[in-house]
Amino acid sequence: MARRPDLLGTCLADLAATVFALSTALFPFPAEELAAPWALGLLYSASAAGSLVAGATGG
């Protein structure tokens, strides 16, 4: 892969997508472990709230 930049770029893009998408897939586990099902809704809505704040304060 080091000799093929096209493959390296593809693998890096896939890695970035996996890392950023994985966090939402793992949200149910801490909510279940804490015995707080209501926390799952907060975890999912936190990214949307962060997007709103970033959009409102961005240039």
C-alpha atoms as a PDB file:
ATOM      1  CA  MET A   1       0.000   0.000   0.000  1.00  0.00           C
ATOM      2  CA  ALA A   2       2.843   2.395   0.687  1.00  0.00           C
ATOM      3  CA  ARG A   3       3.766   2.295  -3.009  1.00  0.00           C
ATOM      4  CA  ARG A   4       0.189   2.897  -4.185  1.00  0.00           C
ATOM      5  CA  PRO A   5      -1.087   6.312  -3.062  1.00  0.00           C
ATOM      6  CA  ASP A   6      -4.546   5.612  -4.442  1.00  0.00           C
ATOM      7  CA  LEU A   7      -4.961   2.583  -2.186  1.00  0.00           C
ATOM      8  CA  LEU A   8      -3.471   4.389   0.777  1.00  0.00           C
ATOM      9  CA  GLY A   9      -5.912   7.281   0.347  1.00  0.00           C
ATOM     10  CA  THR A  10      -8.844   4.903   0.069  1.00  0.00           C
ATOM     11  CA  CYS A  11      -7.830   3.032   3.212  1.00  0.00           C
ATOM     12  CA  LEU A  12      -7.333   6.258   5.160  1.00  0.00           C
ATOM     13  CA  ALA A  13     -10.743   7.545   4.085  1.00  0.00           C
ATOM     14  CA  ASP A  14     -12.330   4.264   5.152  1.00  0.00           C
ATOM     15  CA  LEU A  15     -10.533   4.389   8.483  1.00  0.00           C
ATOM     16  CA  ALA A  16     -11.738   7.939   9.143  1.00  0.00           C
ATOM     17  CA  ALA A  17     -15.334   7.006   8.293  1.00  0.00           C
ATOM     18  CA  THR A  18     -15.169   3.979  10.575  1.00  0.00           C
ATOM     19  CA  VAL A  19     -13.738   5.926  13.498  1.00  0.00           C
ATOM     20  CA  PHE A  20     -16.279   8.734  13.286  1.00  0.00           C
ATOM     21  CA  ALA A  21     -19.294   6.476  12.688  1.00  0.00           C
ATOM     22  CA  LEU A  22     -18.330   3.913  15.298  1.00  0.00           C
ATOM     23  CA  SER A  23     -19.018   6.197  18.222  1.00  0.00           C
ATOM     24  CA  THR A  24     -22.737   6.322  17.480  1.00  0.00           C
ATOM     25  CA  ALA A  25     -22.865   2.547  17.139  1.00  0.00           C
ATOM     26  CA  LEU A  26     -21.468   2.203  20.658  1.00  0.00           C
ATOM     27  CA  PHE A  27     -23.874   4.630  22.354  1.00  0.00           C
ATOM     28  CA  PRO A  28     -26.322   1.957  23.591  1.00  0.00           C
ATOM     29  CA  PHE A  29     -23.646   0.162  25.623  1.00  0.00           C
ATOM     30  CA  PRO A  30     -22.819   2.880  28.191  1.00  0.00           C
ATOM     31  CA  ALA A  31     -26.509   3.702  28.532  1.00  0.00           C
ATOM     32  CA  GLU A  32     -27.272   0.069  29.314  1.00  0.00           C
ATOM     33  CA  GLU A  33     -24.296  -0.285  31.641  1.00  0.00           C
ATOM     34  CA  LEU A  34     -25.366   2.789  33.611  1.00  0.00           C
ATOM     35  CA  ALA A  35     -28.973   1.525  33.687  1.00  0.00           C
ATOM     36  CA  ALA A  36     -30.042   4.864  32.242  1.00  0.00           C
ATOM     37  CA  PRO A  37     -31.995   4.350  29.018  1.00  0.00           C
ATOM     38  CA  TRP A  38     -32.811   8.068  28.921  1.00  0.00           C
ATOM     39  CA  ALA A  39     -29.080   8.765  28.484  1.00  0.00           C
ATOM     40  CA  LEU A  40     -29.184   7.176  25.036  1.00  0.00           C
ATOM     41  CA  GLY A  41     -31.348  10.005  23.748  1.00  0.00           C
ATOM     42  CA  LEU A  42     -28.952  12.554  25.206  1.00  0.00           C
ATOM     43  CA  LEU A  43     -25.975  10.854  23.583  1.00  0.00           C
ATOM     44  CA  TYR A  44     -27.632  10.854  20.165  1.00  0.00           C
ATOM     45  CA  SER A  45     -28.827  14.441  20.451  1.00  0.00           C
ATOM     46  CA  ALA A  46     -25.430  15.752  21.614  1.00  0.00           C
ATOM     47  CA  SER A  47     -23.956  15.588  18.102  1.00  0.00           C
ATOM     48  CA  ALA A  48     -26.930  17.464  16.671  1.00  0.00           C
ATOM     49  CA  ALA A  49     -26.702  20.089  19.403  1.00  0.00           C
ATOM     50  CA  GLY A  50     -22.974  20.459  18.746  1.00  0.00           C
ATOM     51  CA  SER A  51     -23.676  20.928  15.055  1.00  0.00           C
ATOM     52  CA  LEU A  52     -26.202  23.641  15.805  1.00  0.00           C
ATOM     53  CA  VAL A  53     -23.775  25.460  18.087  1.00  0.00           C
ATOM     54  CA  ALA A  54     -20.970  25.169  15.543  1.00  0.00           C
ATOM     55  CA  GLY A  55     -23.241  26.418  12.777  1.00  0.00           C
ATOM     56  CA  ALA A  56     -24.513  29.320  14.834  1.00  0.00           C
ATOM     57  CA  THR A  57     -21.070  30.473  15.933  1.00  0.00           C
ATOM     58  CA  GLY A  58     -19.149  29.712  12.748  1.00  0.00           C
ATOM     59  CA  GLY A  59     -18.056  32.451  10.399  1.00  0.00           C
END
